[in-house]
N, C-alpha and C. Protein backbone atom coordinates (compact mmCIF):
# COMPACT_ATOMS: atom_id res chain seq x y z
N MET A 1 0.82 -1.21 0.00
CA MET A 1 0.00 0.00 0.00
C MET A 1 0.85 1.27 0.00
N LYS A 2 2.09 1.17 0.48
CA LYS A 2 2.97 2.34 0.48
C LYS A 2 3.63 2.44 -0.89
N GLN A 3 3.33 3.51 -1.59
CA GLN A 3 3.90 3.71 -2.91
C GLN A 3 4.70 5.00 -2.94
N PRO A 4 5.84 5.02 -3.66
CA PRO A 4 6.62 6.26 -3.77
C PRO A 4 5.79 7.36 -4.44
N VAL A 5 6.03 8.57 -4.02
CA VAL A 5 5.36 9.74 -4.60
C VAL A 5 6.38 10.53 -5.40
N GLU A 6 6.04 10.85 -6.63
CA GLU A 6 6.95 11.61 -7.48
C GLU A 6 7.23 12.99 -6.86
N PRO A 7 8.47 13.47 -6.99
CA PRO A 7 8.81 14.78 -6.42
C PRO A 7 7.83 15.88 -6.80
N LYS A 8 7.34 15.89 -8.04
CA LYS A 8 6.44 16.97 -8.48
C LYS A 8 5.09 16.92 -7.79
N HIS A 9 4.77 15.81 -7.12
CA HIS A 9 3.48 15.67 -6.43
C HIS A 9 3.60 15.70 -4.91
N VAL A 10 4.83 15.80 -4.41
CA VAL A 10 5.02 15.74 -2.95
C VAL A 10 4.28 16.86 -2.24
N ASN A 11 4.24 18.06 -2.83
CA ASN A 11 3.56 19.18 -2.17
C ASN A 11 2.10 18.87 -1.90
N ARG A 12 1.49 18.01 -2.71
CA ARG A 12 0.07 17.70 -2.54
C ARG A 12 -0.20 16.87 -1.29
N LEU A 13 0.83 16.28 -0.73
CA LEU A 13 0.63 15.47 0.47
C LEU A 13 0.23 16.31 1.66
N ILE A 14 0.67 17.59 1.70
CA ILE A 14 0.37 18.42 2.86
C ILE A 14 -0.22 19.78 2.52
N ASN A 15 -0.42 20.09 1.23
CA ASN A 15 -0.88 21.44 0.91
C ASN A 15 -2.33 21.71 1.29
N HIS A 16 -3.07 20.67 1.72
CA HIS A 16 -4.45 20.88 2.16
C HIS A 16 -4.55 21.06 3.67
N GLY A 17 -3.39 21.19 4.34
CA GLY A 17 -3.37 21.57 5.74
C GLY A 17 -3.61 20.49 6.78
N PRO A 18 -3.18 19.25 6.55
CA PRO A 18 -3.42 18.23 7.57
C PRO A 18 -2.49 18.38 8.77
N THR A 19 -2.93 17.88 9.91
CA THR A 19 -2.02 17.72 11.04
C THR A 19 -0.94 16.73 10.63
N VAL A 20 0.28 16.95 11.07
CA VAL A 20 1.36 16.01 10.78
C VAL A 20 1.98 15.55 12.10
N LEU A 21 2.59 14.39 12.06
CA LEU A 21 3.39 13.89 13.16
C LEU A 21 4.84 14.04 12.73
N VAL A 22 5.61 14.78 13.50
CA VAL A 22 7.01 15.00 13.18
C VAL A 22 7.84 13.98 13.97
N SER A 23 8.60 13.18 13.28
CA SER A 23 9.45 12.19 13.96
C SER A 23 10.91 12.51 13.68
N ALA A 24 11.74 12.17 14.67
CA ALA A 24 13.17 12.45 14.55
C ALA A 24 13.93 11.43 15.37
N GLU A 25 15.22 11.30 15.04
CA GLU A 25 16.08 10.33 15.74
C GLU A 25 17.50 10.83 15.72
N HIS A 26 18.21 10.65 16.85
CA HIS A 26 19.62 11.00 16.90
C HIS A 26 20.30 10.22 18.02
N ALA A 27 21.39 9.56 17.68
CA ALA A 27 22.23 8.86 18.66
C ALA A 27 21.41 7.91 19.54
N GLY A 28 20.50 7.17 18.90
CA GLY A 28 19.73 6.19 19.63
C GLY A 28 18.50 6.74 20.33
N ARG A 29 18.31 8.06 20.27
CA ARG A 29 17.11 8.68 20.86
C ARG A 29 16.13 9.01 19.73
N ARG A 30 14.87 8.80 19.96
CA ARG A 30 13.87 9.10 18.95
C ARG A 30 12.64 9.72 19.61
N ASN A 31 11.86 10.42 18.82
CA ASN A 31 10.65 11.03 19.35
C ASN A 31 9.68 11.31 18.21
N VAL A 32 8.44 11.55 18.59
CA VAL A 32 7.40 11.92 17.63
C VAL A 32 6.47 12.90 18.32
N MET A 33 6.08 13.93 17.59
CA MET A 33 5.17 14.95 18.13
C MET A 33 4.18 15.36 17.05
N ALA A 34 3.07 15.95 17.47
CA ALA A 34 2.09 16.45 16.52
C ALA A 34 2.38 17.92 16.21
N ALA A 35 2.14 18.31 14.98
CA ALA A 35 2.31 19.71 14.57
C ALA A 35 1.15 20.10 13.66
N ALA A 36 0.55 21.23 13.96
CA ALA A 36 -0.59 21.70 13.16
C ALA A 36 -0.13 22.60 12.03
N TRP A 37 1.09 23.18 12.14
CA TRP A 37 1.57 24.14 11.15
C TRP A 37 2.68 23.54 10.31
N SER A 38 2.32 23.11 9.12
CA SER A 38 3.31 22.66 8.13
C SER A 38 2.78 23.02 6.75
N MET A 39 3.69 23.14 5.80
CA MET A 39 3.25 23.48 4.45
C MET A 39 4.38 23.24 3.45
N PRO A 40 4.01 23.04 2.18
CA PRO A 40 5.04 22.98 1.14
C PRO A 40 5.51 24.38 0.82
N VAL A 41 6.79 24.52 0.45
CA VAL A 41 7.31 25.84 0.08
C VAL A 41 7.99 25.85 -1.28
N GLU A 42 8.18 24.67 -1.88
CA GLU A 42 8.82 24.59 -3.19
C GLU A 42 8.38 23.29 -3.85
N PHE A 43 8.22 23.34 -5.19
CA PHE A 43 7.76 22.16 -5.92
C PHE A 43 8.89 21.16 -6.17
N VAL A 44 9.86 21.52 -6.99
CA VAL A 44 10.95 20.62 -7.35
C VAL A 44 12.27 21.37 -7.26
N PRO A 45 13.19 20.95 -6.40
CA PRO A 45 13.01 19.83 -5.47
C PRO A 45 11.99 20.19 -4.40
N PRO A 46 11.24 19.21 -3.93
CA PRO A 46 10.20 19.51 -2.94
C PRO A 46 10.80 19.94 -1.61
N ARG A 47 10.30 21.05 -1.09
CA ARG A 47 10.74 21.56 0.20
C ARG A 47 9.52 21.89 1.04
N VAL A 48 9.66 21.73 2.35
CA VAL A 48 8.55 21.94 3.26
C VAL A 48 9.00 22.79 4.43
N ALA A 49 8.03 23.31 5.16
CA ALA A 49 8.29 24.05 6.39
C ALA A 49 7.39 23.50 7.48
N VAL A 50 7.90 23.49 8.71
CA VAL A 50 7.11 23.03 9.84
C VAL A 50 7.53 23.83 11.06
N VAL A 51 6.59 24.13 11.94
CA VAL A 51 6.88 24.89 13.15
C VAL A 51 7.13 23.94 14.30
N LEU A 52 8.30 24.07 14.93
CA LEU A 52 8.69 23.25 16.08
C LEU A 52 9.04 24.19 17.23
N ASP A 53 8.22 24.20 18.23
CA ASP A 53 8.42 25.09 19.37
C ASP A 53 9.75 24.84 20.06
N LYS A 54 10.30 25.90 20.64
CA LYS A 54 11.60 25.81 21.30
C LYS A 54 11.62 24.82 22.46
N THR A 55 10.47 24.55 23.04
CA THR A 55 10.42 23.66 24.20
C THR A 55 10.38 22.18 23.83
N THR A 56 10.24 21.83 22.56
CA THR A 56 10.01 20.45 22.20
C THR A 56 11.29 19.62 22.11
N TYR A 57 11.16 18.39 22.53
CA TYR A 57 12.25 17.42 22.46
C TYR A 57 12.58 17.09 21.01
N THR A 58 11.54 17.05 20.18
CA THR A 58 11.75 16.76 18.75
C THR A 58 12.66 17.79 18.11
N ARG A 59 12.46 19.04 18.44
CA ARG A 59 13.31 20.12 17.89
C ARG A 59 14.78 19.86 18.23
N GLU A 60 15.04 19.45 19.45
CA GLU A 60 16.40 19.14 19.87
C GLU A 60 17.02 18.05 19.00
N LEU A 61 16.24 17.02 18.73
CA LEU A 61 16.74 15.91 17.92
C LEU A 61 16.94 16.33 16.46
N VAL A 62 16.05 17.17 15.95
CA VAL A 62 16.18 17.66 14.57
C VAL A 62 17.45 18.49 14.41
N LEU A 63 17.70 19.37 15.35
CA LEU A 63 18.89 20.20 15.28
C LEU A 63 20.17 19.37 15.39
N ALA A 64 20.13 18.33 16.22
CA ALA A 64 21.31 17.50 16.41
C ALA A 64 21.58 16.60 15.21
N SER A 65 20.51 16.13 14.56
CA SER A 65 20.67 15.16 13.47
C SER A 65 20.66 15.77 12.08
N GLY A 66 20.02 16.94 11.94
CA GLY A 66 19.90 17.57 10.63
C GLY A 66 18.88 16.89 9.73
N ARG A 67 17.88 16.23 10.33
CA ARG A 67 16.86 15.56 9.52
C ARG A 67 15.60 15.37 10.34
N PHE A 68 14.48 15.20 9.63
CA PHE A 68 13.19 14.95 10.29
C PHE A 68 12.24 14.32 9.29
N ALA A 69 11.16 13.77 9.80
CA ALA A 69 10.15 13.18 8.92
C ALA A 69 8.78 13.76 9.26
N LEU A 70 7.96 13.92 8.24
CA LEU A 70 6.56 14.29 8.43
C LEU A 70 5.72 13.06 8.11
N ASN A 71 4.90 12.66 9.08
CA ASN A 71 3.97 11.55 8.91
C ASN A 71 2.57 12.14 8.89
N VAL A 72 1.75 11.76 7.94
CA VAL A 72 0.40 12.32 7.84
C VAL A 72 -0.60 11.31 8.40
N PRO A 73 -1.13 11.59 9.61
CA PRO A 73 -2.06 10.64 10.22
C PRO A 73 -3.45 10.72 9.59
N CYS A 74 -4.24 9.71 9.87
CA CYS A 74 -5.59 9.65 9.33
C CYS A 74 -6.58 9.41 10.47
N ARG A 75 -7.84 9.34 10.13
CA ARG A 75 -8.89 9.17 11.13
C ARG A 75 -8.64 7.94 12.01
N ALA A 76 -8.13 6.87 11.44
CA ALA A 76 -7.92 5.64 12.19
C ALA A 76 -6.93 5.81 13.33
N VAL A 77 -6.02 6.78 13.24
CA VAL A 77 -5.03 6.98 14.30
C VAL A 77 -5.15 8.39 14.91
N MET A 78 -6.36 8.95 14.88
CA MET A 78 -6.58 10.29 15.41
C MET A 78 -6.24 10.36 16.90
N ASP A 79 -6.60 9.34 17.67
CA ASP A 79 -6.31 9.34 19.10
C ASP A 79 -4.81 9.35 19.35
N LEU A 80 -4.07 8.63 18.52
CA LEU A 80 -2.62 8.61 18.63
C LEU A 80 -2.05 10.01 18.39
N ALA A 81 -2.55 10.68 17.37
CA ALA A 81 -2.08 12.03 17.06
C ALA A 81 -2.31 12.96 18.23
N TYR A 82 -3.45 12.84 18.88
CA TYR A 82 -3.75 13.69 20.03
C TYR A 82 -2.82 13.37 21.19
N SER A 83 -2.58 12.08 21.42
CA SER A 83 -1.75 11.66 22.55
C SER A 83 -0.32 12.15 22.43
N VAL A 84 0.30 11.95 21.26
CA VAL A 84 1.71 12.33 21.12
C VAL A 84 1.88 13.85 21.08
N GLY A 85 0.78 14.56 20.83
CA GLY A 85 0.84 16.01 20.83
C GLY A 85 0.54 16.62 22.18
N SER A 86 0.23 15.77 23.17
CA SER A 86 -0.18 16.26 24.47
C SER A 86 0.87 16.08 25.57
N VAL A 87 1.93 15.32 25.29
CA VAL A 87 2.96 15.07 26.30
C VAL A 87 4.33 15.30 25.68
N SER A 88 5.31 15.54 26.53
CA SER A 88 6.67 15.78 26.06
C SER A 88 7.47 14.48 25.99
N GLY A 89 8.27 14.35 24.96
CA GLY A 89 9.14 13.19 24.84
C GLY A 89 10.19 13.16 25.93
N ARG A 90 10.50 14.32 26.50
CA ARG A 90 11.49 14.35 27.58
C ARG A 90 10.99 13.58 28.80
N ASP A 91 9.68 13.65 29.06
CA ASP A 91 9.12 12.94 30.20
C ASP A 91 9.31 11.44 30.04
N ALA A 92 9.08 10.94 28.83
CA ALA A 92 9.26 9.52 28.58
C ALA A 92 10.74 9.15 28.67
N ALA A 93 11.62 10.03 28.17
CA ALA A 93 13.05 9.75 28.17
C ALA A 93 13.59 9.63 29.59
N VAL A 94 13.05 10.41 30.51
CA VAL A 94 13.47 10.35 31.91
C VAL A 94 13.21 8.96 32.48
N GLN A 95 12.15 8.31 31.98
CA GLN A 95 11.78 6.98 32.47
C GLN A 95 12.41 5.86 31.63
N GLY A 96 13.36 6.23 30.78
CA GLY A 96 14.08 5.22 30.01
C GLY A 96 13.31 4.66 28.83
N GLU A 97 12.35 5.40 28.33
CA GLU A 97 11.59 4.96 27.16
C GLU A 97 11.35 6.15 26.26
N ASP A 98 10.65 5.93 25.16
CA ASP A 98 10.26 7.03 24.29
C ASP A 98 8.77 6.91 23.99
N LYS A 99 8.23 7.87 23.26
CA LYS A 99 6.79 7.85 22.98
C LYS A 99 6.38 6.63 22.18
N PHE A 100 7.26 6.15 21.32
CA PHE A 100 6.93 4.96 20.54
C PHE A 100 6.67 3.79 21.49
N GLN A 101 7.52 3.65 22.50
CA GLN A 101 7.35 2.57 23.47
C GLN A 101 6.16 2.82 24.38
N ARG A 102 6.05 4.04 24.87
CA ARG A 102 4.99 4.36 25.83
C ARG A 102 3.61 4.12 25.25
N TYR A 103 3.41 4.48 23.98
CA TYR A 103 2.09 4.36 23.37
C TYR A 103 1.96 3.16 22.42
N GLY A 104 2.97 2.32 22.40
CA GLY A 104 2.91 1.14 21.55
C GLY A 104 2.80 1.49 20.07
N ILE A 105 3.55 2.51 19.65
CA ILE A 105 3.48 2.97 18.26
C ILE A 105 4.38 2.12 17.39
N ALA A 106 3.79 1.49 16.40
CA ALA A 106 4.57 0.70 15.44
C ALA A 106 5.25 1.66 14.47
N ALA A 107 6.51 1.39 14.17
CA ALA A 107 7.26 2.26 13.27
C ALA A 107 8.12 1.42 12.34
N PHE A 108 8.50 2.01 11.23
CA PHE A 108 9.42 1.36 10.30
C PHE A 108 10.45 2.40 9.86
N ALA A 109 11.60 1.93 9.47
CA ALA A 109 12.68 2.84 9.08
C ALA A 109 12.47 3.33 7.65
N GLY A 110 12.55 4.63 7.45
CA GLY A 110 12.45 5.19 6.11
C GLY A 110 13.61 4.73 5.25
N SER A 111 13.35 4.50 3.99
CA SER A 111 14.38 3.95 3.11
C SER A 111 15.36 5.00 2.60
N SER A 112 15.07 6.29 2.85
CA SER A 112 15.99 7.34 2.39
C SER A 112 16.96 7.77 3.49
N LEU A 113 16.43 8.04 4.69
CA LEU A 113 17.26 8.54 5.78
C LEU A 113 17.23 7.65 7.02
N GLY A 114 16.44 6.60 6.98
CA GLY A 114 16.38 5.69 8.12
C GLY A 114 15.63 6.23 9.31
N LEU A 115 14.84 7.28 9.13
CA LEU A 115 14.09 7.87 10.23
C LEU A 115 12.92 6.97 10.64
N PRO A 116 12.49 7.05 11.90
CA PRO A 116 11.33 6.26 12.33
C PRO A 116 10.04 6.83 11.77
N LEU A 117 9.37 6.07 10.91
CA LEU A 117 8.11 6.50 10.30
C LEU A 117 6.96 5.74 10.97
N VAL A 118 5.86 6.43 11.18
CA VAL A 118 4.75 5.90 11.96
C VAL A 118 3.81 5.05 11.11
N GLU A 119 3.67 3.79 11.49
CA GLU A 119 2.70 2.91 10.84
C GLU A 119 1.30 3.44 11.08
N GLY A 120 0.40 3.18 10.13
CA GLY A 120 -0.98 3.61 10.27
C GLY A 120 -1.27 4.97 9.70
N CYS A 121 -0.20 5.71 9.33
CA CYS A 121 -0.41 6.99 8.66
C CYS A 121 -0.69 6.74 7.18
N VAL A 122 -0.99 7.81 6.44
CA VAL A 122 -1.31 7.64 5.02
C VAL A 122 -0.30 8.31 4.10
N ALA A 123 0.68 9.01 4.67
CA ALA A 123 1.77 9.58 3.87
C ALA A 123 2.96 9.82 4.78
N TRP A 124 4.15 9.78 4.17
CA TRP A 124 5.40 9.91 4.91
C TRP A 124 6.39 10.69 4.05
N LEU A 125 7.07 11.67 4.66
CA LEU A 125 8.07 12.46 3.96
C LEU A 125 9.34 12.50 4.81
N GLU A 126 10.45 12.01 4.27
CA GLU A 126 11.73 12.11 4.95
C GLU A 126 12.43 13.36 4.43
N CYS A 127 12.91 14.18 5.37
CA CYS A 127 13.46 15.48 5.00
C CYS A 127 14.84 15.71 5.58
N ARG A 128 15.68 16.36 4.78
CA ARG A 128 16.98 16.80 5.24
C ARG A 128 16.85 18.28 5.61
N LEU A 129 17.25 18.61 6.84
CA LEU A 129 17.10 19.98 7.34
C LEU A 129 17.88 20.98 6.49
N ILE A 130 17.21 22.07 6.13
CA ILE A 130 17.86 23.21 5.49
C ILE A 130 18.09 24.24 6.59
N SER A 131 19.33 24.47 6.93
CA SER A 131 19.63 25.35 8.06
C SER A 131 19.24 26.79 7.77
N GLU A 132 18.35 27.32 8.58
CA GLU A 132 17.92 28.72 8.51
C GLU A 132 17.87 29.23 9.95
N PRO A 133 19.03 29.53 10.54
CA PRO A 133 19.10 29.89 11.96
C PRO A 133 18.14 31.00 12.38
N HIS A 134 17.99 32.04 11.54
CA HIS A 134 17.11 33.15 11.92
C HIS A 134 15.66 32.70 12.00
N ALA A 135 15.20 31.98 10.97
CA ALA A 135 13.81 31.51 10.97
C ALA A 135 13.55 30.56 12.13
N GLN A 136 14.54 29.72 12.43
CA GLN A 136 14.39 28.77 13.52
C GLN A 136 14.31 29.50 14.87
N ALA A 137 15.18 30.47 15.07
CA ALA A 137 15.24 31.18 16.34
C ALA A 137 14.07 32.15 16.51
N ALA A 138 13.77 32.90 15.45
CA ALA A 138 12.76 33.96 15.57
C ALA A 138 11.33 33.44 15.43
N TYR A 139 11.13 32.44 14.57
CA TYR A 139 9.76 32.01 14.26
C TYR A 139 9.50 30.52 14.51
N ASP A 140 10.50 29.82 15.03
CA ASP A 140 10.38 28.37 15.28
C ASP A 140 10.07 27.60 14.00
N THR A 141 10.43 28.16 12.85
CA THR A 141 10.12 27.54 11.56
C THR A 141 11.34 26.80 11.02
N PHE A 142 11.13 25.53 10.68
CA PHE A 142 12.18 24.69 10.16
C PHE A 142 11.87 24.31 8.72
N PHE A 143 12.87 24.41 7.86
CA PHE A 143 12.71 24.06 6.46
C PHE A 143 13.43 22.74 6.18
N GLY A 144 12.86 21.95 5.30
CA GLY A 144 13.50 20.70 4.93
C GLY A 144 13.32 20.40 3.46
N GLU A 145 14.33 19.76 2.89
CA GLU A 145 14.21 19.26 1.52
C GLU A 145 13.78 17.81 1.59
N VAL A 146 12.70 17.47 0.91
CA VAL A 146 12.16 16.12 0.94
C VAL A 146 13.02 15.22 0.05
N VAL A 147 13.60 14.20 0.65
CA VAL A 147 14.46 13.29 -0.12
C VAL A 147 13.79 11.94 -0.36
N GLY A 148 12.64 11.74 0.22
CA GLY A 148 11.87 10.51 -0.02
C GLY A 148 10.45 10.71 0.47
N ALA A 149 9.47 10.27 -0.32
CA ALA A 149 8.07 10.42 0.07
C ALA A 149 7.26 9.23 -0.43
N TRP A 150 6.30 8.83 0.40
CA TRP A 150 5.44 7.69 0.08
C TRP A 150 4.03 7.99 0.54
N ALA A 151 3.06 7.29 -0.04
CA ALA A 151 1.66 7.47 0.36
C ALA A 151 0.93 6.14 0.22
N ASP A 152 -0.15 6.02 0.96
CA ASP A 152 -1.01 4.85 0.91
C ASP A 152 -1.87 4.95 -0.34
N ASP A 153 -1.70 4.01 -1.26
CA ASP A 153 -2.40 4.13 -2.53
C ASP A 153 -3.90 3.84 -2.44
N ARG A 154 -4.38 3.51 -1.26
CA ARG A 154 -5.84 3.38 -1.09
C ARG A 154 -6.51 4.74 -1.00
N VAL A 155 -5.70 5.78 -0.73
CA VAL A 155 -6.28 7.10 -0.57
C VAL A 155 -5.51 8.19 -1.32
N PHE A 156 -4.32 7.87 -1.85
CA PHE A 156 -3.55 8.82 -2.66
C PHE A 156 -3.13 8.10 -3.93
N GLN A 157 -3.73 8.51 -5.05
CA GLN A 157 -3.51 7.82 -6.31
C GLN A 157 -3.23 8.82 -7.43
N ALA A 158 -2.29 8.46 -8.29
CA ALA A 158 -1.97 9.30 -9.46
C ALA A 158 -1.67 10.74 -9.06
N GLY A 159 -1.00 10.91 -7.94
CA GLY A 159 -0.61 12.24 -7.52
C GLY A 159 -1.69 13.07 -6.88
N ARG A 160 -2.80 12.42 -6.48
CA ARG A 160 -3.90 13.18 -5.87
C ARG A 160 -4.55 12.39 -4.74
N TRP A 161 -5.03 13.14 -3.73
CA TRP A 161 -5.82 12.52 -2.68
C TRP A 161 -7.16 12.09 -3.25
N SER A 162 -7.67 10.98 -2.75
CA SER A 162 -8.97 10.47 -3.18
C SER A 162 -9.80 10.16 -1.94
N PHE A 163 -10.43 11.20 -1.39
CA PHE A 163 -11.25 11.04 -0.19
C PHE A 163 -12.66 10.64 -0.60
N ARG A 164 -13.04 9.42 -0.26
CA ARG A 164 -14.33 8.88 -0.68
C ARG A 164 -15.09 8.32 0.52
N ALA A 165 -16.36 8.03 0.30
CA ALA A 165 -17.19 7.48 1.37
C ALA A 165 -16.72 6.10 1.80
N ASP A 166 -16.04 5.38 0.90
CA ASP A 166 -15.61 4.02 1.24
C ASP A 166 -14.21 3.95 1.85
N ASN A 167 -13.57 5.11 2.10
CA ASN A 167 -12.25 5.06 2.74
C ASN A 167 -12.10 6.13 3.82
N THR A 168 -13.19 6.40 4.55
CA THR A 168 -13.19 7.49 5.53
C THR A 168 -12.17 7.29 6.65
N GLU A 169 -11.83 6.04 6.99
CA GLU A 169 -10.85 5.81 8.04
C GLU A 169 -9.45 6.27 7.62
N LEU A 170 -9.26 6.48 6.31
CA LEU A 170 -7.97 6.90 5.78
C LEU A 170 -7.92 8.40 5.47
N HIS A 171 -8.99 9.13 5.79
CA HIS A 171 -9.00 10.56 5.53
C HIS A 171 -8.07 11.28 6.49
N THR A 172 -7.41 12.32 6.01
CA THR A 172 -6.46 13.06 6.84
C THR A 172 -7.19 13.84 7.93
N VAL A 173 -6.41 14.21 8.96
CA VAL A 173 -6.93 14.86 10.16
C VAL A 173 -6.47 16.32 10.18
N HIS A 174 -7.39 17.23 10.53
CA HIS A 174 -7.08 18.66 10.52
C HIS A 174 -7.42 19.26 11.88
N HIS A 175 -6.40 19.88 12.51
CA HIS A 175 -6.59 20.42 13.86
C HIS A 175 -7.24 21.79 13.80
N LEU A 176 -8.32 21.96 14.58
CA LEU A 176 -9.05 23.22 14.60
C LEU A 176 -8.72 24.06 15.82
N GLY A 177 -7.90 23.51 16.72
CA GLY A 177 -7.56 24.21 17.96
C GLY A 177 -8.37 23.67 19.13
N GLY A 178 -7.81 23.81 20.32
CA GLY A 178 -8.52 23.38 21.51
C GLY A 178 -8.81 21.89 21.56
N GLY A 179 -8.00 21.10 20.89
CA GLY A 179 -8.21 19.66 20.91
C GLY A 179 -9.29 19.16 19.97
N ALA A 180 -9.82 20.05 19.12
CA ALA A 180 -10.86 19.66 18.16
C ALA A 180 -10.23 19.39 16.80
N PHE A 181 -10.72 18.35 16.13
CA PHE A 181 -10.21 17.97 14.82
C PHE A 181 -11.36 17.87 13.82
N ALA A 182 -11.02 17.98 12.55
CA ALA A 182 -12.00 17.83 11.48
C ALA A 182 -11.42 16.94 10.40
N LEU A 183 -12.30 16.40 9.57
CA LEU A 183 -11.91 15.58 8.43
C LEU A 183 -12.31 16.29 7.15
N PRO A 184 -11.68 15.98 6.03
CA PRO A 184 -12.08 16.61 4.76
C PRO A 184 -13.55 16.36 4.47
N ALA A 185 -14.24 17.40 4.02
CA ALA A 185 -15.67 17.28 3.77
C ALA A 185 -16.00 17.06 2.31
N ILE A 186 -15.01 17.25 1.43
CA ILE A 186 -15.29 17.15 0.00
C ILE A 186 -14.80 15.81 -0.53
N GLY A 187 -15.59 15.18 -1.38
CA GLY A 187 -15.21 13.91 -1.98
C GLY A 187 -14.43 14.12 -3.26
N SER A 188 -13.71 13.09 -3.69
CA SER A 188 -12.89 13.23 -4.89
C SER A 188 -13.73 13.46 -6.14
N GLU A 189 -14.93 12.90 -6.19
CA GLU A 189 -15.77 13.11 -7.37
C GLU A 189 -16.16 14.58 -7.48
N GLN A 190 -16.47 15.20 -6.31
CA GLN A 190 -16.78 16.63 -6.33
C GLN A 190 -15.56 17.44 -6.71
N ALA A 191 -14.41 17.04 -6.20
CA ALA A 191 -13.18 17.79 -6.47
C ALA A 191 -12.87 17.81 -7.95
N ARG A 192 -13.15 16.72 -8.65
CA ARG A 192 -12.83 16.66 -10.07
C ARG A 192 -13.73 17.57 -10.89
N GLN A 193 -14.86 18.01 -10.30
CA GLN A 193 -15.76 18.89 -11.03
C GLN A 193 -15.33 20.35 -10.92
N LEU A 194 -14.42 20.65 -10.00
CA LEU A 194 -13.96 22.02 -9.85
C LEU A 194 -12.94 22.35 -10.94
N PRO A 195 -12.92 23.59 -11.41
CA PRO A 195 -11.97 23.96 -12.47
C PRO A 195 -10.54 23.87 -11.98
N ALA A 196 -9.67 23.26 -12.74
CA ALA A 196 -8.24 23.15 -12.39
C ALA A 196 -7.56 24.44 -12.83
N ARG A 197 -7.07 25.24 -11.88
CA ARG A 197 -6.47 26.52 -12.20
C ARG A 197 -4.96 26.43 -12.35
N ASN A 198 -4.38 25.45 -11.70
CA ASN A 198 -2.92 25.32 -11.78
C ASN A 198 -2.58 23.85 -11.69
N GLU A 199 -2.34 23.22 -12.81
CA GLU A 199 -2.10 21.78 -12.85
C GLU A 199 -0.84 21.39 -12.09
N ALA A 200 0.08 22.35 -11.93
CA ALA A 200 1.32 22.05 -11.22
C ALA A 200 1.12 22.01 -9.71
N ALA A 201 0.01 22.55 -9.22
CA ALA A 201 -0.19 22.63 -7.78
C ALA A 201 -0.55 21.32 -7.17
């Protein structure tokens, strides 16, 4: 079900604003956190931006390793997304474990950078950090070049999301604030009826 995504289509994995799970690993330490603010910033090569607060353990690992992954969760793992976004990885580390162990999160190693990718998600992007010290310090914004991307072909086909009534458990999750989430309301059949203004988007 995991199929590679062409570089020219990688931006479509997150340009509709889904919550993402940011995973990172360095020197045997790993962590995963939820982030509501991420977006594509360049088509080819694909580049993304994500906001990582100064207090997060994940940010520490990203800065130390120079890499991170964006995992796109779906309705089936919505509770997991809420859980990993509600506690600090440092708390788990103090007890000799990490969030993957604490919450029983299944993970697999990405084939590009070897980062821990979260099973049950519907898209995965492995990124090499683009150092932008000012943006990181002033705005908590981290940029990455995507060096590998994959998606679940049950819901992402031919470079496009296909949200249908028969695959609602695979629909992406969107954070509305205050612990409230929403799912995409438009189906792929409706989407195809809308005028295409920019085929490259």
